[in-house]
Amino acid sequence: MRDQPTVRIRDLLTGGLHLSDGSKLEDPHSYFRRQLYSKPLEVMAARSVDQIQAVLDRETANIPSGGSSKQVDFLIWSRNLLSEAVTTAVYGPNFLPAFPRLIDALWELDDGVYKR
């Protein structure tokens, strides 16, 4: 199953792709070059911390009560939690719903990129 919308590299490099919700996808290198300095970096870090707290609050609310337990793979759980929080902080709340397989796909790439 493909995530929507379809994104072409050409669109990103020639001004970006305007999405139906009014947001814009653009060349990530240009975006981060602008964002990783001074005040914008401070804002992004603060948003990331806020999102990490929000995701931890959500996860804490899901802890079973009454002595029951649930076993999870801590590496996968923490990887997904941090990836979701930081992605939402950087790209906004509409990005992951538009690309629901993004986090798994990035970690699949990361897992296999050094094996060749």
PDB file of N, CA and C in Angstrom:
ATOM      1  N   MET A   1       0.831  -1.184   0.000  1.00  0.00           N
ATOM      2  CA  MET A   1       0.000   0.000   0.000  1.00  0.00           C
ATOM      3  C   MET A   1       0.873   1.244   0.000  1.00  0.00           C
ATOM      4  N   ARG A   2       0.596   2.169  -0.889  1.00  0.00           N
ATOM      5  CA  ARG A   2       1.392   3.388  -0.992  1.00  0.00           C
ATOM      6  C   ARG A   2       0.799   4.490  -0.131  1.00  0.00           C
ATOM      7  N   ASP A   3       1.692   5.250   0.513  1.00  0.00           N
ATOM      8  CA  ASP A   3       1.248   6.426   1.243  1.00  0.00           C
ATOM      9  C   ASP A   3       0.865   7.506   0.238  1.00  0.00           C
ATOM     10  N   GLN A   4      -0.074   8.341   0.592  1.00  0.00           N
ATOM     11  CA  GLN A   4      -0.486   9.451  -0.264  1.00  0.00           C
ATOM     12  C   GLN A   4      -0.068  10.736   0.403  1.00  0.00           C
ATOM     13  N   PRO A   5       0.206  11.809  -0.248  1.00  0.00           N
ATOM     14  CA  PRO A   5       0.210  11.974  -1.690  1.00  0.00           C
ATOM     15  C   PRO A   5       1.511  11.482  -2.318  1.00  0.00           C
ATOM     16  N   THR A   6       1.500  11.363  -3.638  1.00  0.00           N
ATOM     17  CA  THR A   6       2.702  10.984  -4.355  1.00  0.00           C
ATOM     18  C   THR A   6       3.653  12.182  -4.369  1.00  0.00           C
ATOM     19  N   VAL A   7       4.886  11.947  -4.017  1.00  0.00           N
ATOM     20  CA  VAL A   7       5.877  13.018  -3.956  1.00  0.00           C
ATOM     21  C   VAL A   7       6.980  12.695  -4.946  1.00  0.00           C
ATOM     22  N   ARG A   8       7.286  13.651  -5.790  1.00  0.00           N
ATOM     23  CA  ARG A   8       8.384  13.492  -6.751  1.00  0.00           C
ATOM     24  C   ARG A   8       9.547  14.380  -6.311  1.00  0.00           C
ATOM     25  N   ILE A   9      10.753  13.868  -6.419  1.00  0.00           N
ATOM     26  CA  ILE A   9      11.944  14.641  -6.055  1.00  0.00           C
ATOM     27  C   ILE A   9      11.958  15.966  -6.810  1.00  0.00           C
ATOM     28  N   ARG A  10      11.586  15.945  -8.077  1.00  0.00           N
ATOM     29  CA  ARG A  10      11.557  17.168  -8.889  1.00  0.00           C
ATOM     30  C   ARG A  10      10.685  18.239  -8.230  1.00  0.00           C
ATOM     31  N   ASP A  11       9.524  17.819  -7.680  1.00  0.00           N
ATOM     32  CA  ASP A  11       8.641  18.779  -7.013  1.00  0.00           C
ATOM     33  C   ASP A  11       9.323  19.413  -5.802  1.00  0.00           C
ATOM     34  N   LEU A  12      10.034  18.591  -5.045  1.00  0.00           N
ATOM     35  CA  LEU A  12      10.691  19.106  -3.844  1.00  0.00           C
ATOM     36  C   LEU A  12      11.805  20.085  -4.177  1.00  0.00           C
ATOM     37  N   LEU A  13      12.535  19.805  -5.239  1.00  0.00           N
ATOM     38  CA  LEU A  13      13.685  20.634  -5.603  1.00  0.00           C
ATOM     39  C   LEU A  13      13.310  21.884  -6.382  1.00  0.00           C
ATOM     40  N   THR A  14      12.092  21.955  -6.859  1.00  0.00           N
ATOM     41  CA  THR A  14      11.668  23.122  -7.652  1.00  0.00           C
ATOM     42  C   THR A  14      10.567  23.889  -6.948  1.00  0.00           C
ATOM     43  N   GLY A  15      10.735  24.117  -5.657  1.00  0.00           N
ATOM     44  CA  GLY A  15       9.787  24.962  -4.938  1.00  0.00           C
ATOM     45  C   GLY A  15       8.886  24.231  -3.982  1.00  0.00           C
ATOM     46  N   GLY A  16       8.879  22.925  -4.008  1.00  0.00           N
ATOM     47  CA  GLY A  16       8.079  22.175  -3.052  1.00  0.00           C
ATOM     48  C   GLY A  16       6.758  21.708  -3.620  1.00  0.00           C
ATOM     49  N   LEU A  17       6.067  20.937  -2.827  1.00  0.00           N
ATOM     50  CA  LEU A  17       4.779  20.362  -3.197  1.00  0.00           C
ATOM     51  C   LEU A  17       3.741  20.873  -2.208  1.00  0.00           C
ATOM     52  N   HIS A  18       2.722  21.563  -2.709  1.00  0.00           N
ATOM     53  CA  HIS A  18       1.659  22.094  -1.858  1.00  0.00           C
ATOM     54  C   HIS A  18       0.613  21.011  -1.628  1.00  0.00           C
ATOM     55  N   LEU A  19       0.313  20.760  -0.360  1.00  0.00           N
ATOM     56  CA  LEU A  19      -0.635  19.720   0.014  1.00  0.00           C
ATOM     57  C   LEU A  19      -2.030  20.306   0.206  1.00  0.00           C
ATOM     58  N   SER A  20      -3.037  19.445   0.176  1.00  0.00           N
ATOM     59  CA  SER A  20      -4.428  19.891   0.255  1.00  0.00           C
ATOM     60  C   SER A  20      -4.753  20.570   1.581  1.00  0.00           C
ATOM     61  N   ASP A  21      -3.976  20.300   2.635  1.00  0.00           N
ATOM     62  CA  ASP A  21      -4.249  20.942   3.926  1.00  0.00           C
ATOM     63  C   ASP A  21      -3.588  22.307   4.060  1.00  0.00           C
ATOM     64  N   GLY A  22      -2.965  22.784   2.964  1.00  0.00           N
ATOM     65  CA  GLY A  22      -2.323  24.091   2.971  1.00  0.00           C
ATOM     66  C   GLY A  22      -0.854  24.057   3.346  1.00  0.00           C
ATOM     67  N   SER A  23      -0.359  22.900   3.766  1.00  0.00           N
ATOM     68  CA  SER A  23       1.053  22.800   4.106  1.00  0.00           C
ATOM     69  C   SER A  23       1.871  22.549   2.840  1.00  0.00           C
ATOM     70  N   LYS A  24       3.181  22.554   3.003  1.00  0.00           N
ATOM     71  CA  LYS A  24       4.065  22.413   1.850  1.00  0.00           C
ATOM     72  C   LYS A  24       5.217  21.481   2.200  1.00  0.00           C
ATOM     73  N   LEU A  25       5.473  20.518   1.317  1.00  0.00           N
ATOM     74  CA  LEU A  25       6.667  19.680   1.423  1.00  0.00           C
ATOM     75  C   LEU A  25       7.724  20.312   0.537  1.00  0.00           C
ATOM     76  N   GLU A  26       8.940  20.391   1.036  1.00  0.00           N
ATOM     77  CA  GLU A  26      10.015  20.960   0.230  1.00  0.00           C
ATOM     78  C   GLU A  26      11.286  20.140   0.400  1.00  0.00           C
ATOM     79  N   ASP A  27      12.314  20.524  -0.311  1.00  0.00           N
ATOM     80  CA  ASP A  27      13.603  19.855  -0.224  1.00  0.00           C
ATOM     81  C   ASP A  27      14.062  19.853   1.235  1.00  0.00           C
ATOM     82  N   PRO A  28      14.224  18.669   1.833  1.00  0.00           N
ATOM     83  CA  PRO A  28      14.582  18.632   3.256  1.00  0.00           C
ATOM     84  C   PRO A  28      15.923  19.284   3.563  1.00  0.00           C
ATOM     85  N   HIS A  29      16.882  19.245   2.644  1.00  0.00           N
ATOM     86  CA  HIS A  29      18.178  19.874   2.891  1.00  0.00           C
ATOM     87  C   HIS A  29      18.025  21.383   3.040  1.00  0.00           C
ATOM     88  N   SER A  30      17.248  21.999   2.166  1.00  0.00           N
ATOM     89  CA  SER A  30      17.012  23.439   2.260  1.00  0.00           C
ATOM     90  C   SER A  30      16.284  23.784   3.549  1.00  0.00           C
ATOM     91  N   TYR A  31      15.285  22.984   3.866  1.00  0.00           N
ATOM     92  CA  TYR A  31      14.497  23.214   5.070  1.00  0.00           C
ATOM     93  C   TYR A  31      15.393  23.174   6.311  1.00  0.00           C
ATOM     94  N   PHE A  32      16.164  22.105   6.459  1.00  0.00           N
ATOM     95  CA  PHE A  32      16.987  21.972   7.658  1.00  0.00           C
ATOM     96  C   PHE A  32      18.122  22.983   7.685  1.00  0.00           C
ATOM     97  N   ARG A  33      18.649  23.363   6.552  1.00  0.00           N
ATOM     98  CA  ARG A  33      19.691  24.390   6.510  1.00  0.00           C
ATOM     99  C   ARG A  33      19.174  25.689   7.137  1.00  0.00           C
ATOM    100  N   ARG A  34      17.915  26.023   6.870  1.00  0.00           N
ATOM    101  CA  ARG A  34      17.313  27.227   7.456  1.00  0.00           C
ATOM    102  C   ARG A  34      16.972  27.033   8.923  1.00  0.00           C
ATOM    103  N   GLN A  35      16.565  25.827   9.290  1.00  0.00           N
ATOM    104  CA  GLN A  35      16.030  25.589  10.629  1.00  0.00           C
ATOM    105  C   GLN A  35      17.078  25.314  11.697  1.00  0.00           C
ATOM    106  N   LEU A  36      18.238  24.858  11.316  1.00  0.00           N
ATOM    107  CA  LEU A  36      19.207  24.415  12.323  1.00  0.00           C
ATOM    108  C   LEU A  36      20.177  25.512  12.752  1.00  0.00           C
ATOM    109  N   TYR A  37      19.659  26.696  12.966  1.00  0.00           N
ATOM    110  CA  TYR A  37      20.454  27.823  13.437  1.00  0.00           C
ATOM    111  C   TYR A  37      19.689  28.579  14.506  1.00  0.00           C
ATOM    112  N   SER A  38      20.351  28.989  15.535  1.00  0.00           N
ATOM    113  CA  SER A  38      19.898  29.942  16.528  1.00  0.00           C
ATOM    114  C   SER A  38      18.467  29.706  17.006  1.00  0.00           C
ATOM    115  N   LYS A  39      17.632  30.715  16.897  1.00  0.00           N
ATOM    116  CA  LYS A  39      16.265  30.651  17.426  1.00  0.00           C
ATOM    117  C   LYS A  39      15.441  29.522  16.812  1.00  0.00           C
ATOM    118  N   PRO A  40      15.467  29.320  15.488  1.00  0.00           N
ATOM    119  CA  PRO A  40      14.690  28.190  14.946  1.00  0.00           C
ATOM    120  C   PRO A  40      15.096  26.842  15.543  1.00  0.00           C
ATOM    121  N   LEU A  41      16.380  26.652  15.815  1.00  0.00           N
ATOM    122  CA  LEU A  41      16.842  25.409  16.432  1.00  0.00           C
ATOM    123  C   LEU A  41      16.297  25.294  17.855  1.00  0.00           C
ATOM    124  N   GLU A  42      16.304  26.397  18.590  1.00  0.00           N
ATOM    125  CA  GLU A  42      15.755  26.392  19.950  1.00  0.00           C
ATOM    126  C   GLU A  42      14.268  26.049  19.923  1.00  0.00           C
ATOM    127  N   VAL A  43      13.532  26.610  18.971  1.00  0.00           N
ATOM    128  CA  VAL A  43      12.100  26.340  18.857  1.00  0.00           C
ATOM    129  C   VAL A  43      11.870  24.867  18.527  1.00  0.00           C
ATOM    130  N   MET A  44      12.653  24.326  17.577  1.00  0.00           N
ATOM    131  CA  MET A  44      12.503  22.919  17.201  1.00  0.00           C
ATOM    132  C   MET A  44      12.825  22.002  18.388  1.00  0.00           C
ATOM    133  N   ALA A  45      13.854  22.329  19.143  1.00  0.00           N
ATOM    134  CA  ALA A  45      14.201  21.515  20.312  1.00  0.00           C
ATOM    135  C   ALA A  45      13.081  21.569  21.352  1.00  0.00           C
ATOM    136  N   ALA A  46      12.529  22.745  21.581  1.00  0.00           N
ATOM    137  CA  ALA A  46      11.434  22.876  22.549  1.00  0.00           C
ATOM    138  C   ALA A  46      10.197  22.103  22.078  1.00  0.00           C
ATOM    139  N   ARG A  47       9.882  22.184  20.793  1.00  0.00           N
ATOM    140  CA  ARG A  47       8.749  21.414  20.251  1.00  0.00           C
ATOM    141  C   ARG A  47       8.995  19.917  20.417  1.00  0.00           C
ATOM    142  N   SER A  48      10.226  19.490  20.188  1.00  0.00           N
ATOM    143  CA  SER A  48      10.553  18.067  20.324  1.00  0.00           C
ATOM    144  C   SER A  48      10.348  17.609  21.753  1.00  0.00           C
ATOM    145  N   VAL A  49      10.816  18.390  22.713  1.00  0.00           N
ATOM    146  CA  VAL A  49      10.641  18.027  24.121  1.00  0.00           C
ATOM    147  C   VAL A  49       9.151  17.976  24.459  1.00  0.00           C
ATOM    148  N   ASP A  50       8.379  18.965  23.988  1.00  0.00           N
ATOM    149  CA  ASP A  50       6.932  18.970  24.241  1.00  0.00           C
ATOM    150  C   ASP A  50       6.260  17.736  23.647  1.00  0.00           C
ATOM    151  N   GLN A  51       6.652  17.365  22.433  1.00  0.00           N
ATOM    152  CA  GLN A  51       6.054  16.194  21.794  1.00  0.00           C
ATOM    153  C   GLN A  51       6.458  14.896  22.487  1.00  0.00           C
ATOM    154  N   ILE A  52       7.706  14.821  22.924  1.00  0.00           N
ATOM    155  CA  ILE A  52       8.147  13.629  23.670  1.00  0.00           C
ATOM    156  C   ILE A  52       7.313  13.503  24.942  1.00  0.00           C
ATOM    157  N   GLN A  53       7.098  14.625  25.623  1.00  0.00           N
ATOM    158  CA  GLN A  53       6.273  14.604  26.839  1.00  0.00           C
ATOM    159  C   GLN A  53       4.849  14.168  26.524  1.00  0.00           C
ATOM    160  N   ALA A  54       4.277  14.675  25.431  1.00  0.00           N
ATOM    161  CA  ALA A  54       2.903  14.314  25.054  1.00  0.00           C
ATOM    162  C   ALA A  54       2.790  12.822  24.740  1.00  0.00           C
ATOM    163  N   VAL A  55       3.764  12.281  24.033  1.00  0.00           N
ATOM    164  CA  VAL A  55       3.725  10.856  23.688  1.00  0.00           C
ATOM    165  C   VAL A  55       3.935  10.012  24.944  1.00  0.00           C
ATOM    166  N   LEU A  56       4.843  10.431  25.825  1.00  0.00           N
ATOM    167  CA  LEU A  56       5.032   9.701  27.086  1.00  0.00           C
ATOM    168  C   LEU A  56       3.769   9.748  27.946  1.00  0.00           C
ATOM    169  N   ASP A  57       3.104  10.896  27.977  1.00  0.00           N
ATOM    170  CA  ASP A  57       1.838  10.998  28.722  1.00  0.00           C
ATOM    171  C   ASP A  57       0.803  10.028  28.157  1.00  0.00           C
ATOM    172  N   ARG A  58       0.712   9.967  26.821  1.00  0.00           N
ATOM    173  CA  ARG A  58      -0.232   9.041  26.188  1.00  0.00           C
ATOM    174  C   ARG A  58       0.113   7.601  26.527  1.00  0.00           C
ATOM    175  N   GLU A  59       1.392   7.263  26.455  1.00  0.00           N
ATOM    176  CA  GLU A  59       1.821   5.900  26.761  1.00  0.00           C
ATOM    177  C   GLU A  59       1.593   5.565  28.227  1.00  0.00           C
ATOM    178  N   THR A  60       1.827   6.517  29.121  1.00  0.00           N
ATOM    179  CA  THR A  60       1.602   6.297  30.551  1.00  0.00           C
ATOM    180  C   THR A  60       0.132   6.016  30.816  1.00  0.00           C
ATOM    181  N   ALA A  61      -0.734   6.712  30.112  1.00  0.00           N
ATOM    182  CA  ALA A  61      -2.178   6.491  30.282  1.00  0.00           C
ATOM    183  C   ALA A  61      -2.591   5.096  29.823  1.00  0.00           C
ATOM    184  N   ASN A  62      -1.780   4.459  28.980  1.00  0.00           N
ATOM    185  CA  ASN A  62      -2.105   3.127  28.466  1.00  0.00           C
ATOM    186  C   ASN A  62      -1.503   1.984  29.295  1.00  0.00           C
ATOM    187  N   ILE A  63      -0.831   2.321  30.392  1.00  0.00           N
ATOM    188  CA  ILE A  63      -0.257   1.270  31.240  1.00  0.00           C
ATOM    189  C   ILE A  63      -1.399   0.520  31.923  1.00  0.00           C
ATOM    190  N   PRO A  64      -1.392  -0.809  31.816  1.00  0.00           N
ATOM    191  CA  PRO A  64      -2.467  -1.588  32.441  1.00  0.00           C
ATOM    192  C   PRO A  64      -2.494  -1.374  33.954  1.00  0.00           C
ATOM    193  N   SER A  65      -3.679  -1.379  34.515  1.00  0.00           N
ATOM    194  CA  SER A  65      -3.809  -1.226  35.968  1.00  0.00           C
ATOM    195  C   SER A  65      -4.263  -2.549  36.578  1.00  0.00           C
ATOM    196  N   GLY A  66      -4.306  -2.589  37.881  1.00  0.00           N
ATOM    197  CA  GLY A  66      -4.813  -3.773  38.575  1.00  0.00           C
ATOM    198  C   GLY A  66      -3.858  -4.949  38.579  1.00  0.00           C
ATOM    199  N   GLY A  67      -2.562  -4.693  38.467  1.00  0.00           N
ATOM    200  CA  GLY A  67      -1.607  -5.778  38.555  1.00  0.00           C
ATOM    201  C   GLY A  67      -1.348  -6.507  37.245  1.00  0.00           C
ATOM    202  N   SER A  68      -2.084  -6.157  36.182  1.00  0.00           N
ATOM    203  CA  SER A  68      -1.809  -6.814  34.897  1.00  0.00           C
ATOM    204  C   SER A  68      -0.579  -6.169  34.255  1.00  0.00           C
ATOM    205  N   SER A  69      -0.036  -6.824  33.284  1.00  0.00           N
ATOM    206  CA  SER A  69       1.159  -6.296  32.629  1.00  0.00           C
ATOM    207  C   SER A  69       1.103  -6.574  31.138  1.00  0.00           C
ATOM    208  N   LYS A  70       1.954  -5.887  30.436  1.00  0.00           N
ATOM    209  CA  LYS A  70       2.082  -6.065  28.995  1.00  0.00           C
ATOM    210  C   LYS A  70       3.569  -6.011  28.678  1.00  0.00           C
ATOM    211  N   GLN A  71       4.058  -7.003  27.976  1.00  0.00           N
ATOM    212  CA  GLN A  71       5.469  -7.044  27.623  1.00  0.00           C
ATOM    213  C   GLN A  71       5.659  -6.409  26.251  1.00  0.00           C
ATOM    214  N   VAL A  72       6.651  -5.522  26.135  1.00  0.00           N
ATOM    215  CA  VAL A  72       6.957  -4.883  24.866  1.00  0.00           C
ATOM    216  C   VAL A  72       8.466  -4.936  24.628  1.00  0.00           C
ATOM    217  N   ASP A  73       8.839  -4.861  23.374  1.00  0.00           N
ATOM    218  CA  ASP A  73      10.248  -4.753  23.012  1.00  0.00           C
ATOM    219  C   ASP A  73      10.663  -3.305  23.265  1.00  0.00           C
ATOM    220  N   PHE A  74      11.505  -3.082  24.266  1.00  0.00           N
ATOM    221  CA  PHE A  74      11.836  -1.720  24.671  1.00  0.00           C
ATOM    222  C   PHE A  74      12.519  -0.934  23.559  1.00  0.00           C
ATOM    223  N   LEU A  75      13.384  -1.572  22.783  1.00  0.00           N
ATOM    224  CA  LEU A  75      14.058  -0.874  21.689  1.00  0.00           C
ATOM    225  C   LEU A  75      13.037  -0.375  20.665  1.00  0.00           C
ATOM    226  N   ILE A  76      12.121  -1.244  20.243  1.00  0.00           N
ATOM    227  CA  ILE A  76      11.107  -0.863  19.268  1.00  0.00           C
ATOM    228  C   ILE A  76      10.175   0.204  19.846  1.00  0.00           C
ATOM    229  N   TRP A  77       9.760   0.024  21.096  1.00  0.00           N
ATOM    230  CA  TRP A  77       8.865   0.978  21.746  1.00  0.00           C
ATOM    231  C   TRP A  77       9.505   2.363  21.815  1.00  0.00           C
ATOM    232  N   SER A  78      10.747   2.437  22.294  1.00  0.00           N
ATOM    233  CA  SER A  78      11.411   3.736  22.428  1.00  0.00           C
ATOM    234  C   SER A  78      11.749   4.330  21.066  1.00  0.00           C
ATOM    235  N   ARG A  79      12.156   3.501  20.125  1.00  0.00           N
ATOM    236  CA  ARG A  79      12.431   3.971  18.763  1.00  0.00           C
ATOM    237  C   ARG A  79      11.196   4.624  18.158  1.00  0.00           C
ATOM    238  N   ASN A  80      10.061   3.955  18.267  1.00  0.00           N
ATOM    239  CA  ASN A  80       8.822   4.480  17.699  1.00  0.00           C
ATOM    240  C   ASN A  80       8.349   5.729  18.431  1.00  0.00           C
ATOM    241  N   LEU A  81       8.463   5.716  19.758  1.00  0.00           N
ATOM    242  CA  LEU A  81       8.045   6.865  20.546  1.00  0.00           C
ATOM    243  C   LEU A  81       8.842   8.108  20.165  1.00  0.00           C
ATOM    244  N   LEU A  82      10.149   8.001  20.159  1.00  0.00           N
ATOM    245  CA  LEU A  82      10.988   9.160  19.840  1.00  0.00           C
ATOM    246  C   LEU A  82      10.836   9.581  18.380  1.00  0.00           C
ATOM    247  N   SER A  83      10.741   8.617  17.482  1.00  0.00           N
ATOM    248  CA  SER A  83      10.567   8.945  16.062  1.00  0.00           C
ATOM    249  C   SER A  83       9.261   9.690  15.834  1.00  0.00           C
ATOM    250  N   GLU A  84       8.190   9.204  16.442  1.00  0.00           N
ATOM    251  CA  GLU A  84       6.895   9.874  16.302  1.00  0.00           C
ATOM    252  C   GLU A  84       6.944  11.291  16.868  1.00  0.00           C
ATOM    253  N   ALA A  85       7.504  11.437  18.063  1.00  0.00           N
ATOM    254  CA  ALA A  85       7.534  12.744  18.715  1.00  0.00           C
ATOM    255  C   ALA A  85       8.347  13.759  17.913  1.00  0.00           C
ATOM    256  N   VAL A  86       9.534  13.386  17.490  1.00  0.00           N
ATOM    257  CA  VAL A  86      10.390  14.338  16.784  1.00  0.00           C
ATOM    258  C   VAL A  86       9.848  14.625  15.386  1.00  0.00           C
ATOM    259  N   THR A  87       9.331  13.617  14.697  1.00  0.00           N
ATOM    260  CA  THR A  87       8.739  13.848  13.377  1.00  0.00           C
ATOM    261  C   THR A  87       7.568  14.809  13.482  1.00  0.00           C
ATOM    262  N   THR A  88       6.726  14.631  14.481  1.00  0.00           N
ATOM    263  CA  THR A  88       5.588  15.531  14.679  1.00  0.00           C
ATOM    264  C   THR A  88       6.069  16.930  15.037  1.00  0.00           C
ATOM    265  N   ALA A  89       7.093  17.037  15.869  1.00  0.00           N
ATOM    266  CA  ALA A  89       7.622  18.351  16.245  1.00  0.00           C
ATOM    267  C   ALA A  89       8.185  19.101  15.043  1.00  0.00           C
ATOM    268  N   VAL A  90       8.854  18.394  14.156  1.00  0.00           N
ATOM    269  CA  VAL A  90       9.503  19.036  13.015  1.00  0.00           C
ATOM    270  C   VAL A  90       8.525  19.314  11.879  1.00  0.00           C
ATOM    271  N   TYR A  91       7.675  18.343  11.561  1.00  0.00           N
ATOM    272  CA  TYR A  91       6.823  18.453  10.372  1.00  0.00           C
ATOM    273  C   TYR A  91       5.360  18.764  10.673  1.00  0.00           C
ATOM    274  N   GLY A  92       4.975  18.764  11.939  1.00  0.00           N
ATOM    275  CA  GLY A  92       3.600  19.071  12.294  1.00  0.00           C
ATOM    276  C   GLY A  92       2.749  17.821  12.436  1.00  0.00           C
ATOM    277  N   PRO A  93       1.532  18.003  12.970  1.00  0.00           N
ATOM    278  CA  PRO A  93       0.682  16.861  13.303  1.00  0.00           C
ATOM    279  C   PRO A  93       0.054  16.153  12.110  1.00  0.00           C
ATOM    280  N   ASN A  94       0.079  16.738  10.930  1.00  0.00           N
ATOM    281  CA  ASN A  94      -0.566  16.130   9.763  1.00  0.00           C
ATOM    282  C   ASN A  94       0.362  15.234   8.949  1.00  0.00           C
ATOM    283  N   PHE A  95       1.658  15.287   9.233  1.00  0.00           N
ATOM    284  CA  PHE A  95       2.626  14.573   8.402  1.00  0.00           C
ATOM    285  C   PHE A  95       2.528  13.052   8.552  1.00  0.00           C
ATOM    286  N   LEU A  96       2.582  12.553   9.770  1.00  0.00           N
ATOM    287  CA  LEU A  96       2.545  11.093   9.957  1.00  0.00           C
ATOM    288  C   LEU A  96       1.221  10.474   9.525  1.00  0.00           C
ATOM    289  N   PRO A  97       0.069  11.123   9.767  1.00  0.00           N
ATOM    290  CA  PRO A  97      -1.162  10.544   9.223  1.00  0.00           C
ATOM    291  C   PRO A  97      -1.146  10.462   7.692  1.00  0.00           C
ATOM    292  N   ALA A  98      -0.465  11.389   7.032  1.00  0.00           N
ATOM    293  CA  ALA A  98      -0.376  11.357   5.571  1.00  0.00           C
ATOM    294  C   ALA A  98       0.587  10.272   5.091  1.00  0.00           C
ATOM    295  N   PHE A  99       1.570   9.938   5.912  1.00  0.00           N
ATOM    296  CA  PHE A  99       2.582   8.928   5.567  1.00  0.00           C
ATOM    297  C   PHE A  99       2.715   7.933   6.721  1.00  0.00           C
ATOM    298  N   PRO A 100       1.709   7.097   6.954  1.00  0.00           N
ATOM    299  CA  PRO A 100       1.688   6.252   8.155  1.00  0.00           C
ATOM    300  C   PRO A 100       2.800   5.218   8.239  1.00  0.00           C
ATOM    301  N   ARG A 101       3.429   4.839   7.146  1.00  0.00           N
ATOM    302  CA  ARG A 101       4.503   3.851   7.182  1.00  0.00           C
ATOM    303  C   ARG A 101       5.884   4.483   7.262  1.00  0.00           C
ATOM    304  N   LEU A 102       5.950   5.793   7.375  1.00  0.00           N
ATOM    305  CA  LEU A 102       7.228   6.484   7.320  1.00  0.00           C
ATOM    306  C   LEU A 102       8.231   5.982   8.357  1.00  0.00           C
ATOM    307  N   ILE A 103       7.838   5.916   9.598  1.00  0.00           N
ATOM    308  CA  ILE A 103       8.783   5.528  10.652  1.00  0.00           C
ATOM    309  C   ILE A 103       9.303   4.111  10.426  1.00  0.00           C
ATOM    310  N   ASP A 104       8.410   3.176  10.145  1.00  0.00           N
ATOM    311  CA  ASP A 104       8.864   1.805   9.877  1.00  0.00           C
ATOM    312  C   ASP A 104       9.778   1.756   8.660  1.00  0.00           C
ATOM    313  N   ALA A 105       9.425   2.499   7.607  1.00  0.00           N
ATOM    314  CA  ALA A 105      10.241   2.498   6.385  1.00  0.00           C
ATOM    315  C   ALA A 105      11.633   3.073   6.653  1.00  0.00           C
ATOM    316  N   LEU A 106      11.713   4.148   7.423  1.00  0.00           N
ATOM    317  CA  LEU A 106      13.021   4.735   7.729  1.00  0.00           C
ATOM    318  C   LEU A 106      13.887   3.779   8.541  1.00  0.00           C
ATOM    319  N   TRP A 107      13.278   3.075   9.493  1.00  0.00           N
ATOM    320  CA  TRP A 107      14.050   2.131  10.293  1.00  0.00           C
ATOM    321  C   TRP A 107      14.415   0.882   9.502  1.00  0.00           C
ATOM    322  N   GLU A 108      13.576   0.491   8.538  1.00  0.00           N
ATOM    323  CA  GLU A 108      13.949  -0.606   7.634  1.00  0.00           C
ATOM    324  C   GLU A 108      15.168  -0.195   6.812  1.00  0.00           C
ATOM    325  N   LEU A 109      15.153   1.031   6.314  1.00  0.00           N
ATOM    326  CA  LEU A 109      16.296   1.541   5.558  1.00  0.00           C
ATOM    327  C   LEU A 109      17.535   1.571   6.443  1.00  0.00           C
ATOM    328  N   ASP A 110      17.414   2.111   7.629  1.00  0.00           N
ATOM    329  CA  ASP A 110      18.536   2.207   8.544  1.00  0.00           C
ATOM    330  C   ASP A 110      19.111   0.830   8.867  1.00  0.00           C
ATOM    331  N   ASP A 111      18.235  -0.136   9.052  1.00  0.00           N
ATOM    332  CA  ASP A 111      18.687  -1.485   9.380  1.00  0.00           C
ATOM    333  C   ASP A 111      19.448  -2.133   8.227  1.00  0.00           C
ATOM    334  N   GLY A 112      19.066  -1.817   6.984  1.00  0.00           N
ATOM    335  CA  GLY A 112      19.681  -2.494   5.863  1.00  0.00           C
ATOM    336  C   GLY A 112      20.742  -1.721   5.116  1.00  0.00           C
ATOM    337  N   VAL A 113      20.894  -0.445   5.401  1.00  0.00           N
ATOM    338  CA  VAL A 113      21.779   0.385   4.593  1.00  0.00           C
ATOM    339  C   VAL A 113      23.252   0.004   4.720  1.00  0.00           C
ATOM    340  N   TYR A 114      23.646  -0.534   5.852  1.00  0.00           N
ATOM    341  CA  TYR A 114      25.057  -0.850   6.052  1.00  0.00           C
ATOM    342  C   TYR A 114      25.384  -2.308   5.741  1.00  0.00           C
ATOM    343  N   LYS A 115      24.400  -3.072   5.336  1.00  0.00           N
ATOM    344  CA  LYS A 115      24.607  -4.509   5.131  1.00  0.00           C
ATOM    345  C   LYS A 115      25.144  -4.847   3.743  1.00  0.00           C
ATOM    346  N   ARG A 116      25.219  -3.907   2.883  1.00  0.00           N
ATOM    347  CA  ARG A 116      25.677  -4.212   1.510  1.00  0.00           C
ATOM    348  C   ARG A 116      27.081  -3.795   1.272  1.00  0.00           C
TER     349      ARG A 116
END
